[in-house]
N, C-alpha and C. Protein backbone atom coordinates (compact mmCIF):
# COMPACT_ATOMS: atom_id res chain seq x y z
N MET A 1 16.44 4.46 -2.05
CA MET A 1 15.68 3.46 -1.35
C MET A 1 14.55 4.21 -0.67
N SER A 2 13.50 3.30 -0.62
CA SER A 2 12.17 3.92 -0.06
C SER A 2 11.83 3.20 1.13
N TYR A 3 10.76 3.79 1.90
CA TYR A 3 10.19 3.14 3.08
C TYR A 3 8.92 2.44 2.52
N ASP A 4 8.90 1.22 2.58
CA ASP A 4 7.84 0.37 1.89
C ASP A 4 6.82 -0.27 2.85
N LEU A 5 5.67 -0.12 2.43
CA LEU A 5 4.53 -0.71 3.20
C LEU A 5 3.59 -1.39 2.26
N VAL A 6 2.75 -2.29 2.75
CA VAL A 6 1.84 -3.04 1.86
C VAL A 6 0.42 -3.18 2.57
N VAL A 7 -0.62 -3.07 1.68
CA VAL A 7 -1.93 -3.50 2.20
C VAL A 7 -2.36 -4.60 1.21
N PHE A 8 -3.13 -5.47 1.80
CA PHE A 8 -3.55 -6.61 0.98
C PHE A 8 -4.93 -7.12 1.30
N GLU A 9 -5.56 -7.86 0.47
CA GLU A 9 -6.90 -8.40 0.53
C GLU A 9 -6.75 -9.62 1.51
N LYS A 10 -7.33 -9.41 2.73
CA LYS A 10 -7.21 -10.52 3.67
C LYS A 10 -7.90 -11.88 3.31
N SER A 11 -8.95 -11.77 2.53
CA SER A 11 -9.59 -12.92 2.11
C SER A 11 -8.93 -13.76 1.20
N ILE A 12 -7.81 -13.37 0.63
CA ILE A 12 -7.04 -14.05 -0.37
C ILE A 12 -5.67 -14.49 0.30
N ALA A 13 -5.15 -13.84 1.18
CA ALA A 13 -3.84 -14.01 1.73
C ALA A 13 -3.84 -15.11 2.62
N PRO A 14 -2.75 -15.83 2.70
CA PRO A 14 -2.66 -17.09 3.70
C PRO A 14 -2.72 -16.41 5.22
N ALA A 15 -3.13 -17.44 6.06
CA ALA A 15 -3.37 -16.99 7.53
C ALA A 15 -2.18 -17.26 8.39
N SER A 16 -1.08 -17.93 7.90
CA SER A 16 0.09 -18.11 8.68
C SER A 16 1.28 -17.18 8.15
N LYS A 17 2.15 -16.80 9.04
CA LYS A 17 3.18 -15.94 8.57
C LYS A 17 4.18 -16.52 7.53
N ALA A 18 4.49 -17.76 7.75
CA ALA A 18 5.41 -18.36 6.76
C ALA A 18 4.72 -18.47 5.33
N GLU A 19 3.42 -18.83 5.29
CA GLU A 19 2.75 -18.90 4.02
C GLU A 19 2.50 -17.50 3.46
N PHE A 20 2.21 -16.65 4.40
CA PHE A 20 1.97 -15.23 3.82
C PHE A 20 3.20 -14.75 3.29
N LEU A 21 4.38 -14.89 3.87
CA LEU A 21 5.68 -14.41 3.24
C LEU A 21 5.87 -14.98 1.88
N GLU A 22 5.62 -16.26 1.64
CA GLU A 22 5.76 -16.94 0.38
C GLU A 22 4.77 -16.35 -0.65
N TRP A 23 3.56 -16.09 -0.20
CA TRP A 23 2.53 -15.53 -1.05
C TRP A 23 2.89 -14.15 -1.33
N TYR A 24 3.45 -13.34 -0.47
CA TYR A 24 3.90 -11.99 -0.69
C TYR A 24 4.97 -11.96 -1.79
N GLU A 25 5.92 -12.92 -1.66
CA GLU A 25 7.07 -12.90 -2.61
C GLU A 25 6.47 -13.21 -3.96
N GLU A 26 5.57 -14.03 -4.11
CA GLU A 26 4.91 -14.33 -5.45
C GLU A 26 4.29 -13.02 -6.04
N GLN A 27 3.55 -12.31 -5.07
CA GLN A 27 2.71 -11.16 -5.56
C GLN A 27 3.69 -10.07 -6.10
N VAL A 28 4.89 -9.86 -5.47
CA VAL A 28 5.79 -8.79 -5.78
C VAL A 28 6.79 -9.16 -6.97
N GLU A 29 6.48 -10.33 -7.62
CA GLU A 29 7.16 -10.67 -8.89
C GLU A 29 6.43 -9.92 -9.93
N TRP A 30 5.28 -9.36 -9.67
CA TRP A 30 4.54 -8.47 -10.53
C TRP A 30 4.23 -9.20 -11.90
N LYS A 31 3.63 -10.40 -11.80
CA LYS A 31 3.38 -11.20 -13.02
C LYS A 31 1.93 -11.09 -13.57
N GLU A 32 1.12 -10.28 -12.81
CA GLU A 32 -0.32 -10.19 -13.29
C GLU A 32 -0.26 -9.38 -14.58
N ASP A 33 -1.27 -9.67 -15.51
CA ASP A 33 -1.38 -9.13 -16.85
C ASP A 33 -2.23 -7.87 -16.72
N HIS A 34 -1.57 -6.80 -16.20
CA HIS A 34 -2.37 -5.52 -16.27
C HIS A 34 -1.40 -4.43 -15.86
N ASP A 35 -1.83 -3.21 -15.95
CA ASP A 35 -1.03 -2.04 -15.54
C ASP A 35 -0.94 -1.82 -14.07
N TYR A 36 0.11 -1.81 -13.42
CA TYR A 36 0.25 -1.74 -11.99
C TYR A 36 0.08 -0.24 -11.52
N ASP A 37 -0.34 0.61 -12.35
CA ASP A 37 -0.69 1.99 -11.92
C ASP A 37 -2.12 2.24 -11.78
N SER A 38 -3.05 1.19 -12.17
CA SER A 38 -4.41 1.42 -12.21
C SER A 38 -5.09 0.57 -11.06
N ILE A 39 -5.92 1.26 -10.36
CA ILE A 39 -6.63 0.79 -9.22
C ILE A 39 -7.91 -0.04 -9.62
N GLU A 40 -8.26 -0.07 -10.84
CA GLU A 40 -9.34 -0.73 -11.48
C GLU A 40 -9.30 -2.28 -11.26
N VAL A 41 -8.07 -2.85 -11.10
CA VAL A 41 -7.91 -4.30 -11.01
C VAL A 41 -8.16 -4.87 -9.64
N SER A 42 -8.11 -3.99 -8.64
CA SER A 42 -8.14 -4.32 -7.21
C SER A 42 -9.47 -4.60 -6.68
N SER A 43 -9.58 -5.15 -5.51
CA SER A 43 -10.90 -5.39 -4.80
C SER A 43 -11.47 -4.01 -4.39
N SER A 44 -12.78 -4.11 -4.04
CA SER A 44 -13.47 -2.92 -3.66
C SER A 44 -12.83 -2.35 -2.26
N LYS A 45 -12.43 -3.25 -1.37
CA LYS A 45 -11.79 -2.78 -0.16
C LYS A 45 -10.54 -2.10 -0.52
N LEU A 46 -9.70 -2.69 -1.32
CA LEU A 46 -8.42 -2.07 -1.71
C LEU A 46 -8.62 -0.68 -2.38
N LYS A 47 -9.66 -0.67 -3.28
CA LYS A 47 -9.96 0.62 -3.92
C LYS A 47 -10.31 1.76 -2.94
N SER A 48 -11.18 1.43 -2.03
CA SER A 48 -11.60 2.39 -0.99
C SER A 48 -10.46 2.85 -0.18
N TRP A 49 -9.57 1.89 0.19
CA TRP A 49 -8.30 2.21 0.94
C TRP A 49 -7.47 3.29 0.16
N PHE A 50 -7.25 2.93 -1.04
CA PHE A 50 -6.42 3.66 -2.03
C PHE A 50 -7.07 5.10 -2.16
N LEU A 51 -8.29 5.24 -2.32
CA LEU A 51 -8.84 6.59 -2.54
C LEU A 51 -8.78 7.48 -1.29
N ASP A 52 -8.73 6.78 -0.08
CA ASP A 52 -8.55 7.49 1.02
C ASP A 52 -7.05 7.86 1.25
N MET A 53 -6.19 6.91 0.97
CA MET A 53 -4.75 7.01 1.17
C MET A 53 -4.20 8.21 0.27
N ILE A 54 -4.55 8.33 -0.88
CA ILE A 54 -4.06 9.33 -1.89
C ILE A 54 -4.42 10.75 -1.53
N LYS A 55 -5.33 10.89 -0.62
CA LYS A 55 -5.66 12.20 -0.05
C LYS A 55 -4.44 12.83 0.60
N LEU A 56 -3.72 12.05 1.32
CA LEU A 56 -2.48 12.55 1.96
C LEU A 56 -1.24 12.29 1.35
N PHE A 57 -1.22 11.03 0.64
CA PHE A 57 -0.02 10.57 -0.05
C PHE A 57 -0.37 10.32 -1.48
N PRO A 58 -0.30 11.37 -2.39
CA PRO A 58 -0.66 11.37 -3.77
C PRO A 58 0.29 10.31 -4.55
N PRO A 59 -0.33 9.73 -5.49
CA PRO A 59 0.49 8.80 -6.44
C PRO A 59 1.46 9.58 -7.34
N MET A 60 2.59 8.95 -7.55
CA MET A 60 3.52 9.59 -8.56
C MET A 60 3.01 9.43 -10.02
N ASN A 61 2.29 8.23 -10.29
CA ASN A 61 1.89 7.87 -11.60
C ASN A 61 0.44 7.35 -11.53
N GLY A 62 -0.05 7.15 -12.68
CA GLY A 62 -1.42 6.47 -12.85
C GLY A 62 -2.50 7.42 -12.99
N ASP A 63 -3.78 7.01 -12.87
CA ASP A 63 -4.99 7.77 -13.08
C ASP A 63 -5.13 8.87 -12.11
N PHE A 64 -4.52 8.85 -10.97
CA PHE A 64 -4.79 9.85 -9.87
C PHE A 64 -3.58 10.67 -9.57
N ASP A 65 -2.49 10.65 -10.51
CA ASP A 65 -1.37 11.47 -10.31
C ASP A 65 -1.74 13.06 -10.25
N ILE A 66 -0.84 13.76 -9.53
CA ILE A 66 -1.12 15.13 -9.29
C ILE A 66 -0.91 16.02 -10.56
N ASP A 67 -1.73 17.06 -10.75
CA ASP A 67 -1.65 17.92 -11.83
C ASP A 67 -0.27 18.58 -11.80
N ASP A 68 0.22 18.71 -12.99
CA ASP A 68 1.60 19.31 -13.25
C ASP A 68 1.73 20.58 -12.51
N ALA A 69 0.76 21.46 -12.38
CA ALA A 69 0.92 22.62 -11.75
C ALA A 69 1.21 22.50 -10.17
N LEU A 70 0.81 21.41 -9.68
CA LEU A 70 1.00 21.27 -8.19
C LEU A 70 2.40 20.49 -7.90
N GLU A 71 3.01 20.01 -8.89
CA GLU A 71 4.28 19.23 -8.71
C GLU A 71 5.33 20.08 -8.19
N ASN A 72 5.29 21.36 -8.30
CA ASN A 72 6.37 22.26 -7.79
C ASN A 72 6.16 22.59 -6.20
N ASP A 73 5.09 22.15 -5.70
CA ASP A 73 4.76 22.32 -4.24
C ASP A 73 5.68 21.35 -3.50
N GLN A 74 6.72 21.91 -2.83
CA GLN A 74 7.73 21.05 -2.17
C GLN A 74 7.12 20.23 -0.98
N GLU A 75 6.17 20.90 -0.26
CA GLU A 75 5.50 20.19 0.90
C GLU A 75 4.77 18.93 0.33
N LEU A 76 4.07 19.13 -0.78
CA LEU A 76 3.37 18.03 -1.40
C LEU A 76 4.32 16.99 -1.98
N GLU A 77 5.39 17.52 -2.66
CA GLU A 77 6.28 16.61 -3.33
C GLU A 77 6.93 15.57 -2.39
N ILE A 78 7.25 15.93 -1.18
CA ILE A 78 7.80 14.82 -0.32
C ILE A 78 6.85 13.84 0.09
N ARG A 79 5.50 13.95 -0.17
CA ARG A 79 4.53 13.00 0.09
C ARG A 79 4.19 12.08 -1.11
N PHE A 80 4.71 12.41 -2.30
CA PHE A 80 4.46 11.67 -3.40
C PHE A 80 4.84 10.26 -3.08
N THR A 81 4.05 9.30 -3.53
CA THR A 81 4.26 7.85 -3.24
C THR A 81 4.17 7.06 -4.46
N ASP A 82 5.03 6.10 -4.60
CA ASP A 82 5.10 5.16 -5.67
C ASP A 82 4.30 3.89 -5.33
N TYR A 83 3.00 3.82 -5.83
CA TYR A 83 2.20 2.69 -5.67
C TYR A 83 2.31 1.72 -6.74
N SER A 84 2.38 0.38 -6.42
CA SER A 84 2.27 -0.62 -7.34
C SER A 84 0.99 -1.42 -7.02
N ILE A 85 0.04 -1.44 -7.96
CA ILE A 85 -1.31 -1.91 -7.54
C ILE A 85 -1.51 -3.22 -8.24
N GLY A 86 -1.77 -4.22 -7.47
CA GLY A 86 -2.11 -5.63 -7.91
C GLY A 86 -3.58 -5.87 -7.58
N LYS A 87 -3.96 -7.00 -8.04
CA LYS A 87 -5.44 -7.40 -7.72
C LYS A 87 -5.66 -7.57 -6.20
N ASN A 88 -4.78 -8.17 -5.47
CA ASN A 88 -4.90 -8.38 -4.06
C ASN A 88 -3.99 -7.75 -3.17
N LEU A 89 -3.21 -6.80 -3.69
CA LEU A 89 -2.03 -6.24 -2.90
C LEU A 89 -1.73 -4.87 -3.52
N ILE A 90 -1.43 -3.89 -2.65
CA ILE A 90 -1.01 -2.57 -3.02
C ILE A 90 0.33 -2.27 -2.31
N TYR A 91 1.39 -2.08 -3.06
CA TYR A 91 2.73 -1.81 -2.49
C TYR A 91 2.84 -0.27 -2.56
N ALA A 92 3.28 0.27 -1.46
CA ALA A 92 3.51 1.71 -1.47
C ALA A 92 4.89 2.10 -0.96
N GLY A 93 5.63 2.85 -1.72
CA GLY A 93 7.05 3.28 -1.51
C GLY A 93 7.04 4.72 -1.12
N PHE A 94 7.45 5.06 0.05
CA PHE A 94 7.45 6.54 0.49
C PHE A 94 8.82 6.85 0.67
N ALA A 95 8.99 8.39 0.79
CA ALA A 95 10.19 8.94 1.27
C ALA A 95 10.45 8.59 2.74
N TRP A 96 11.66 8.30 3.02
CA TRP A 96 12.00 7.98 4.46
C TRP A 96 11.62 9.08 5.46
N SER A 97 11.63 10.28 4.95
CA SER A 97 11.26 11.43 5.85
C SER A 97 9.75 11.30 6.26
N GLN A 98 8.91 10.43 5.57
CA GLN A 98 7.58 10.33 5.75
C GLN A 98 7.18 9.09 6.50
N ALA A 99 8.17 8.27 6.92
CA ALA A 99 7.89 6.90 7.39
C ALA A 99 6.95 6.88 8.58
N GLU A 100 7.06 7.69 9.48
CA GLU A 100 6.14 7.55 10.71
C GLU A 100 4.73 7.98 10.23
N THR A 101 4.52 9.08 9.51
CA THR A 101 3.28 9.45 9.08
C THR A 101 2.61 8.39 8.17
N ALA A 102 3.48 7.89 7.30
CA ALA A 102 2.94 6.98 6.33
C ALA A 102 2.53 5.70 7.08
N TYR A 103 3.37 5.12 7.98
CA TYR A 103 3.00 3.94 8.76
C TYR A 103 1.74 4.11 9.47
N ASN A 104 1.57 5.20 10.22
CA ASN A 104 0.39 5.46 10.97
C ASN A 104 -0.87 5.67 10.15
N THR A 105 -0.78 6.39 9.02
CA THR A 105 -1.89 6.67 8.06
C THR A 105 -2.22 5.42 7.46
N MET A 106 -1.33 4.66 6.85
CA MET A 106 -1.64 3.46 6.16
C MET A 106 -2.23 2.33 6.99
N LEU A 107 -1.82 2.23 8.32
CA LEU A 107 -2.27 1.30 9.24
C LEU A 107 -3.76 1.61 9.67
N MET A 108 -3.99 2.92 9.96
CA MET A 108 -5.27 3.44 10.31
C MET A 108 -6.30 3.18 9.24
N LEU A 109 -5.88 3.47 7.98
CA LEU A 109 -6.86 3.26 6.91
C LEU A 109 -6.99 1.71 6.49
N ALA A 110 -5.97 0.94 6.77
CA ALA A 110 -6.08 -0.53 6.62
C ALA A 110 -7.18 -1.10 7.53
N LEU A 111 -7.10 -0.77 8.75
CA LEU A 111 -8.21 -1.10 9.76
C LEU A 111 -9.47 -0.60 9.33
N LYS A 112 -9.58 0.59 9.01
CA LYS A 112 -10.86 1.22 8.59
C LYS A 112 -11.61 0.51 7.40
N HIS A 113 -10.64 0.09 6.41
CA HIS A 113 -11.20 -0.54 5.14
C HIS A 113 -11.19 -1.98 5.14
N ASP A 114 -10.84 -2.59 6.34
CA ASP A 114 -10.72 -4.03 6.58
C ASP A 114 -9.84 -4.71 5.53
N VAL A 115 -8.69 -4.24 5.46
CA VAL A 115 -7.58 -4.93 4.60
C VAL A 115 -6.43 -5.13 5.53
N GLY A 116 -5.55 -6.08 5.11
CA GLY A 116 -4.33 -6.41 5.89
C GLY A 116 -3.24 -5.43 5.68
N PHE A 117 -2.32 -5.30 6.63
CA PHE A 117 -1.23 -4.35 6.56
C PHE A 117 0.11 -5.15 6.83
N PHE A 118 1.18 -4.75 6.09
CA PHE A 118 2.50 -5.52 6.16
C PHE A 118 3.52 -4.40 6.15
N ASP A 119 4.27 -4.32 7.22
CA ASP A 119 5.43 -3.36 7.39
C ASP A 119 6.63 -3.99 6.74
N VAL A 120 6.89 -3.83 5.40
CA VAL A 120 8.04 -4.41 4.67
C VAL A 120 9.23 -3.83 5.18
N SER A 121 9.45 -2.52 5.32
CA SER A 121 10.69 -1.96 5.55
C SER A 121 11.00 -1.88 7.12
N GLY A 122 10.09 -2.07 7.92
CA GLY A 122 10.29 -1.87 9.31
C GLY A 122 10.39 -3.16 10.04
N THR A 123 9.44 -3.40 10.93
CA THR A 123 9.58 -4.61 11.84
C THR A 123 9.03 -5.88 11.19
N GLY A 124 8.45 -5.84 10.07
CA GLY A 124 7.90 -7.06 9.34
C GLY A 124 6.53 -7.53 9.95
N ALA A 125 5.89 -6.52 10.70
CA ALA A 125 4.55 -6.82 11.23
C ALA A 125 3.60 -7.06 10.21
N ILE A 126 2.71 -8.08 10.41
CA ILE A 126 1.58 -8.39 9.52
C ILE A 126 0.37 -8.30 10.33
N ILE A 127 -0.45 -7.26 10.11
CA ILE A 127 -1.52 -6.98 10.90
C ILE A 127 -2.88 -7.21 10.19
N LEU A 128 -3.71 -8.10 10.66
CA LEU A 128 -5.06 -8.26 10.00
C LEU A 128 -6.19 -7.56 10.62
N SER A 129 -6.01 -7.09 11.94
CA SER A 129 -7.14 -6.35 12.52
C SER A 129 -6.45 -5.75 13.90
N GLU A 130 -7.24 -5.05 14.56
CA GLU A 130 -6.63 -4.43 15.82
C GLU A 130 -6.14 -5.49 16.80
N THR A 131 -6.68 -6.62 16.75
CA THR A 131 -6.33 -7.74 17.64
C THR A 131 -5.60 -8.94 17.11
N ILE A 132 -5.47 -8.96 15.70
CA ILE A 132 -4.95 -10.15 15.11
C ILE A 132 -3.73 -9.72 14.32
N LYS A 133 -2.57 -10.43 14.71
CA LYS A 133 -1.28 -10.20 13.97
C LYS A 133 -0.77 -11.68 13.62
N LEU A 134 -0.10 -11.70 12.59
CA LEU A 134 0.39 -13.04 12.18
C LEU A 134 1.87 -13.05 12.83
N ASP A 135 2.13 -14.13 13.52
CA ASP A 135 3.36 -14.37 14.20
C ASP A 135 4.12 -15.49 13.63
């Protein structure tokens, strides 16, 4: 089991919590017709967020996965992240030992890149900006 967080394109997602949760459930059925390891399908804001995020939490799979020579680095290995990349949402699964750092990093970068943030495994917080949360 992993510690899961999501970033999403705010311009597409519904603005009420109930509608957002319905939309989210549809998104994670993974019915889009593309490879969920490729960032090429995502919005420019989600791409920018992803390229910053993988500097600290490298992807397990896809175009940006780590060179085989680095995979034996135990410190790096605990930060490997399982990303599922959709057009309007990126789902990230972290090791539980990384939960606090992952949460803080992901939220900070979501605010920086102007994308929404959803704490799937924790409180269920949906954050659109420093001052706007869906209740």
